[in-house]
Amino acid sequence: MADTRQELKEKVVSVSRVAKVVKGGRTFRFSVLVVVGDENGRVGVGTGKAAEVPDAIRKATEEAKKNLVKVSLVNGTLPHEYETNFGSSKIIIKPAVEGTGVIAGGAVRPVLELAGVKNVTAKTLGSRNSRNVVYATIKALKSMRTPEEEARLRGKTVAQIFN
């Protein structure tokens, strides 16, 4: 399993400075959101908080590697359209034809790129909070299944499901 972790790429989605007010003043720390993926159907997200940014990134990366999820891909795109929300953030993800590229903004783009999705369109509605948008994207990718996977889960053939 050690060799699989080395092929993972990481992207820092957001770095926030957070403050705790104590008797002597404010104590500043950094909260970091990191996405890791192998660009081949596996992606994970993690958060870390520390007094220094590099330490927070390291913590977030370790957590993200523990939370990897499998993404169903069909010819470099997604199996079907999906709409979900996390908190007050709502995202709509649609598969696209070859040559479209990743049409997604904000925090959705790094998740889709590191998952290995090559052609997709995505729209963020509601809150644009990067943490909620990333978790909504992961939730959508986890929920998607190809017709073959769905047929196997139901114990039927693909033809029986579509008829």
C-alpha atoms as a PDB file:
ATOM      1  CA  MET A   1       0.000   0.000   0.000  1.00  0.00           C
ATOM      2  CA  ALA A   2       3.012   2.318   0.428  1.00  0.00           C
ATOM      3  CA  ASP A   3       3.553   2.592  -3.339  1.00  0.00           C
ATOM      4  CA  THR A   4      -0.080   3.613  -3.952  1.00  0.00           C
ATOM      5  CA  ARG A   5       0.201   6.530  -1.536  1.00  0.00           C
ATOM      6  CA  GLN A   6       3.207   7.953  -3.405  1.00  0.00           C
ATOM      7  CA  GLU A   7       1.292   8.278  -6.675  1.00  0.00           C
ATOM      8  CA  LEU A   8      -1.324  10.496  -5.011  1.00  0.00           C
ATOM      9  CA  LYS A   9      -1.284  14.161  -5.967  1.00  0.00           C
ATOM     10  CA  GLU A  10      -2.447  16.871  -3.600  1.00  0.00           C
ATOM     11  CA  LYS A  11      -3.991  20.300  -4.054  1.00  0.00           C
ATOM     12  CA  VAL A  12      -4.579  22.876  -1.350  1.00  0.00           C
ATOM     13  CA  VAL A  13      -8.098  24.231  -1.829  1.00  0.00           C
ATOM     14  CA  SER A  14      -8.174  26.838   0.926  1.00  0.00           C
ATOM     15  CA  VAL A  15      -6.037  28.282   3.704  1.00  0.00           C
ATOM     16  CA  SER A  16      -7.886  30.232   6.404  1.00  0.00           C
ATOM     17  CA  ARG A  17      -6.475  32.134   9.335  1.00  0.00           C
ATOM     18  CA  VAL A  18      -8.590  31.476  12.402  1.00  0.00           C
ATOM     19  CA  ALA A  19      -8.342  33.237  15.750  1.00  0.00           C
ATOM     20  CA  LYS A  20      -9.052  32.182  19.299  1.00  0.00           C
ATOM     21  CA  VAL A  21      -9.517  35.044  21.722  1.00  0.00           C
ATOM     22  CA  VAL A  22      -7.820  34.364  25.047  1.00  0.00           C
ATOM     23  CA  LYS A  23      -7.004  36.456  28.104  1.00  0.00           C
ATOM     24  CA  GLY A  24      -3.723  37.750  26.630  1.00  0.00           C
ATOM     25  CA  GLY A  25      -5.168  38.599  23.189  1.00  0.00           C
ATOM     26  CA  ARG A  26      -5.748  36.602  20.039  1.00  0.00           C
ATOM     27  CA  THR A  27      -4.082  33.292  19.165  1.00  0.00           C
ATOM     28  CA  PHE A  28      -3.875  32.784  15.398  1.00  0.00           C
ATOM     29  CA  ARG A  29      -3.818  29.386  13.714  1.00  0.00           C
ATOM     30  CA  PHE A  30      -4.282  28.183  10.155  1.00  0.00           C
ATOM     31  CA  SER A  31      -7.018  25.885   8.918  1.00  0.00           C
ATOM     32  CA  VAL A  32      -6.301  24.131   5.596  1.00  0.00           C
ATOM     33  CA  LEU A  33      -8.506  22.120   3.211  1.00  0.00           C
ATOM     34  CA  VAL A  34      -6.605  19.652   0.993  1.00  0.00           C
ATOM     35  CA  VAL A  35      -7.799  17.309  -1.770  1.00  0.00           C
ATOM     36  CA  VAL A  36      -5.706  14.268  -2.803  1.00  0.00           C
ATOM     37  CA  GLY A  37      -6.272  11.909  -5.714  1.00  0.00           C
ATOM     38  CA  ASP A  38      -4.559   9.581  -8.167  1.00  0.00           C
ATOM     39  CA  GLU A  39      -6.368  10.980 -11.260  1.00  0.00           C
ATOM     40  CA  ASN A  40      -7.625   7.449 -11.861  1.00  0.00           C
ATOM     41  CA  GLY A  41     -10.854   7.121  -9.890  1.00  0.00           C
ATOM     42  CA  ARG A  42      -9.729   7.697  -6.294  1.00  0.00           C
ATOM     43  CA  VAL A  43     -10.074  10.995  -4.421  1.00  0.00           C
ATOM     44  CA  GLY A  44     -10.104  12.104  -0.787  1.00  0.00           C
ATOM     45  CA  VAL A  45     -10.460  15.284   1.232  1.00  0.00           C
ATOM     46  CA  GLY A  46      -8.990  16.314   4.567  1.00  0.00           C
ATOM     47  CA  THR A  47      -8.723  19.288   6.891  1.00  0.00           C
ATOM     48  CA  GLY A  48      -5.913  20.258   9.209  1.00  0.00           C
ATOM     49  CA  LYS A  49      -5.279  23.021  11.698  1.00  0.00           C
ATOM     50  CA  ALA A  50      -1.948  24.155  13.132  1.00  0.00           C
ATOM     51  CA  ALA A  51       0.021  27.209  14.151  1.00  0.00           C
ATOM     52  CA  GLU A  52       2.036  27.065  10.894  1.00  0.00           C
ATOM     53  CA  VAL A  53       0.694  26.529   7.365  1.00  0.00           C
ATOM     54  CA  PRO A  54       3.060  23.644   6.364  1.00  0.00           C
ATOM     55  CA  ASP A  55       2.081  21.683   9.484  1.00  0.00           C
ATOM     56  CA  ALA A  56      -1.610  22.242   8.747  1.00  0.00           C
ATOM     57  CA  ILE A  57      -1.110  21.074   5.124  1.00  0.00           C
ATOM     58  CA  ARG A  58       0.692  17.935   6.324  1.00  0.00           C
ATOM     59  CA  LYS A  59      -2.123  17.102   8.775  1.00  0.00           C
ATOM     60  CA  ALA A  60      -4.799  17.698   6.140  1.00  0.00           C
ATOM     61  CA  THR A  61      -2.961  15.537   3.582  1.00  0.00           C
ATOM     62  CA  GLU A  62      -2.668  12.648   6.052  1.00  0.00           C
ATOM     63  CA  GLU A  63      -6.392  12.853   6.812  1.00  0.00           C
ATOM     64  CA  ALA A  64      -7.277  13.028   3.106  1.00  0.00           C
ATOM     65  CA  LYS A  65      -5.260   9.865   2.393  1.00  0.00           C
ATOM     66  CA  LYS A  66      -7.296   8.043   5.050  1.00  0.00           C
ATOM     67  CA  ASN A  67     -10.597   9.160   3.465  1.00  0.00           C
ATOM     68  CA  LEU A  68     -10.126   8.032  -0.144  1.00  0.00           C
ATOM     69  CA  VAL A  69     -13.298   7.155  -2.062  1.00  0.00           C
ATOM     70  CA  LYS A  70     -13.728   5.286  -5.344  1.00  0.00           C
ATOM     71  CA  VAL A  71     -15.257   7.217  -8.253  1.00  0.00           C
ATOM     72  CA  SER A  72     -17.092   5.494 -11.129  1.00  0.00           C
ATOM     73  CA  LEU A  73     -15.740   6.753 -14.454  1.00  0.00           C
ATOM     74  CA  VAL A  74     -17.025   6.024 -17.951  1.00  0.00           C
ATOM     75  CA  ASN A  75     -14.633   7.021 -20.771  1.00  0.00           C
ATOM     76  CA  GLY A  76     -13.165   9.897 -18.767  1.00  0.00           C
ATOM     77  CA  THR A  77     -16.527  11.305 -17.685  1.00  0.00           C
ATOM     78  CA  LEU A  78     -19.212  10.491 -15.144  1.00  0.00           C
ATOM     79  CA  PRO A  79     -21.956   7.870 -15.597  1.00  0.00           C
ATOM     80  CA  HIS A  80     -24.891  10.276 -15.144  1.00  0.00           C
ATOM     81  CA  GLU A  81     -26.027  13.693 -13.938  1.00  0.00           C
ATOM     82  CA  TYR A  82     -26.185  14.268 -10.205  1.00  0.00           C
ATOM     83  CA  GLU A  83     -27.467  17.046  -7.964  1.00  0.00           C
ATOM     84  CA  THR A  84     -26.711  17.180  -4.252  1.00  0.00           C
ATOM     85  CA  ASN A  85     -26.160  19.517  -1.363  1.00  0.00           C
ATOM     86  CA  PHE A  86     -24.022  19.696   1.728  1.00  0.00           C
ATOM     87  CA  GLY A  87     -25.056  22.310   4.241  1.00  0.00           C
ATOM     88  CA  SER A  88     -26.371  25.236   2.200  1.00  0.00           C
ATOM     89  CA  SER A  89     -24.035  24.509  -0.731  1.00  0.00           C
ATOM     90  CA  LYS A  90     -25.671  22.823  -3.705  1.00  0.00           C
ATOM     91  CA  ILE A  91     -23.873  21.460  -6.761  1.00  0.00           C
ATOM     92  CA  ILE A  92     -25.014  20.058 -10.093  1.00  0.00           C
ATOM     93  CA  ILE A  93     -22.593  17.791 -11.987  1.00  0.00           C
ATOM     94  CA  LYS A  94     -23.248  16.686 -15.554  1.00  0.00           C
ATOM     95  CA  PRO A  95     -21.243  14.344 -17.794  1.00  0.00           C
ATOM     96  CA  ALA A  96     -19.905  15.889 -21.013  1.00  0.00           C
ATOM     97  CA  VAL A  97     -18.735  14.693 -24.433  1.00  0.00           C
ATOM     98  CA  GLU A  98     -15.082  14.106 -25.315  1.00  0.00           C
ATOM     99  CA  GLY A  99     -13.135  17.342 -25.730  1.00  0.00           C
ATOM    100  CA  THR A 100     -15.231  19.444 -23.346  1.00  0.00           C
ATOM    101  CA  GLY A 101     -12.730  19.475 -20.488  1.00  0.00           C
ATOM    102  CA  VAL A 102     -13.493  20.283 -16.873  1.00  0.00           C
ATOM    103  CA  ILE A 103     -15.943  23.177 -16.789  1.00  0.00           C
ATOM    104  CA  ALA A 104     -16.192  23.777 -13.062  1.00  0.00           C
ATOM    105  CA  GLY A 105     -15.286  26.635 -10.818  1.00  0.00           C
ATOM    106  CA  GLY A 106     -14.049  27.220  -7.335  1.00  0.00           C
ATOM    107  CA  ALA A 107     -13.577  24.219  -5.093  1.00  0.00           C
ATOM    108  CA  VAL A 108     -15.292  21.720  -7.441  1.00  0.00           C
ATOM    109  CA  ARG A 109     -12.483  21.788 -10.039  1.00  0.00           C
ATOM    110  CA  PRO A 110      -9.620  20.321  -7.948  1.00  0.00           C
ATOM    111  CA  VAL A 111     -11.839  17.475  -6.711  1.00  0.00           C
ATOM    112  CA  LEU A 112     -12.916  16.516 -10.245  1.00  0.00           C
ATOM    113  CA  GLU A 113      -9.393  16.861 -11.688  1.00  0.00           C
ATOM    114  CA  LEU A 114      -7.785  14.712  -8.978  1.00  0.00           C
ATOM    115  CA  ALA A 115     -10.586  12.137  -9.323  1.00  0.00           C
ATOM    116  CA  GLY A 116      -9.564  11.697 -12.974  1.00  0.00           C
ATOM    117  CA  VAL A 117     -12.679  13.166 -14.596  1.00  0.00           C
ATOM    118  CA  LYS A 118     -11.645  14.640 -17.968  1.00  0.00           C
ATOM    119  CA  ASN A 119     -14.963  15.887 -19.408  1.00  0.00           C
ATOM    120  CA  VAL A 120     -17.611  17.327 -17.116  1.00  0.00           C
ATOM    121  CA  THR A 121     -19.637  20.455 -16.412  1.00  0.00           C
ATOM    122  CA  ALA A 122     -20.500  21.548 -12.884  1.00  0.00           C
ATOM    123  CA  LYS A 123     -22.426  24.403 -11.328  1.00  0.00           C
ATOM    124  CA  THR A 124     -22.336  25.587  -7.720  1.00  0.00           C
ATOM    125  CA  LEU A 125     -25.507  27.067  -6.254  1.00  0.00           C
ATOM    126  CA  GLY A 126     -26.269  28.475  -2.829  1.00  0.00           C
ATOM    127  CA  SER A 127     -23.323  28.980  -0.506  1.00  0.00           C
ATOM    128  CA  ARG A 128     -19.888  29.051  -2.164  1.00  0.00           C
ATOM    129  CA  ASN A 129     -18.165  28.025   1.087  1.00  0.00           C
ATOM    130  CA  SER A 130     -15.222  25.977  -0.211  1.00  0.00           C
ATOM    131  CA  ARG A 131     -15.383  23.348   2.530  1.00  0.00           C
ATOM    132  CA  ASN A 132     -19.084  22.617   1.955  1.00  0.00           C
ATOM    133  CA  VAL A 133     -18.638  22.668  -1.847  1.00  0.00           C
ATOM    134  CA  VAL A 134     -15.793  20.117  -1.647  1.00  0.00           C
ATOM    135  CA  TYR A 135     -17.793  17.823   0.640  1.00  0.00           C
ATOM    136  CA  ALA A 136     -20.863  18.124  -1.630  1.00  0.00           C
ATOM    137  CA  THR A 137     -18.714  17.165  -4.634  1.00  0.00           C
ATOM    138  CA  ILE A 138     -17.289  14.131  -2.808  1.00  0.00           C
ATOM    139  CA  LYS A 139     -20.827  13.144  -1.771  1.00  0.00           C
ATOM    140  CA  ALA A 140     -21.981  13.323  -5.410  1.00  0.00           C
ATOM    141  CA  LEU A 141     -19.006  11.320  -6.720  1.00  0.00           C
ATOM    142  CA  LYS A 142     -19.527   8.623  -4.060  1.00  0.00           C
ATOM    143  CA  SER A 143     -23.203   8.279  -4.983  1.00  0.00           C
ATOM    144  CA  MET A 144     -22.698   7.773  -8.727  1.00  0.00           C
ATOM    145  CA  ARG A 145     -22.759   4.264 -10.156  1.00  0.00           C
ATOM    146  CA  THR A 146     -22.410   2.868 -13.651  1.00  0.00           C
ATOM    147  CA  PRO A 147     -25.319   0.772 -15.015  1.00  0.00           C
ATOM    148  CA  GLU A 148     -23.140  -2.342 -14.633  1.00  0.00           C
ATOM    149  CA  GLU A 149     -22.467  -1.645 -10.938  1.00  0.00           C
ATOM    150  CA  GLU A 150     -26.156  -0.967 -10.280  1.00  0.00           C
ATOM    151  CA  ALA A 151     -27.181  -4.174 -12.072  1.00  0.00           C
ATOM    152  CA  ARG A 152     -24.677  -6.198 -10.050  1.00  0.00           C
ATOM    153  CA  LEU A 153     -26.004  -4.699  -6.783  1.00  0.00           C
ATOM    154  CA  ARG A 154     -29.592  -5.563  -7.723  1.00  0.00           C
ATOM    155  CA  GLY A 155     -28.679  -9.032  -9.014  1.00  0.00           C
ATOM    156  CA  LYS A 156     -30.027  -8.295 -12.499  1.00  0.00           C
ATOM    157  CA  THR A 157     -28.667  -7.660 -15.973  1.00  0.00           C
ATOM    158  CA  VAL A 158     -28.279  -4.185 -17.476  1.00  0.00           C
ATOM    159  CA  ALA A 159     -31.054  -4.993 -19.995  1.00  0.00           C
ATOM    160  CA  GLN A 160     -33.508  -5.859 -17.202  1.00  0.00           C
ATOM    161  CA  ILE A 161     -32.875  -2.518 -15.482  1.00  0.00           C
ATOM    162  CA  PHE A 162     -33.436  -0.417 -18.593  1.00  0.00           C
ATOM    163  CA  ASN A 163     -36.586  -2.289 -19.683  1.00  0.00           C
END
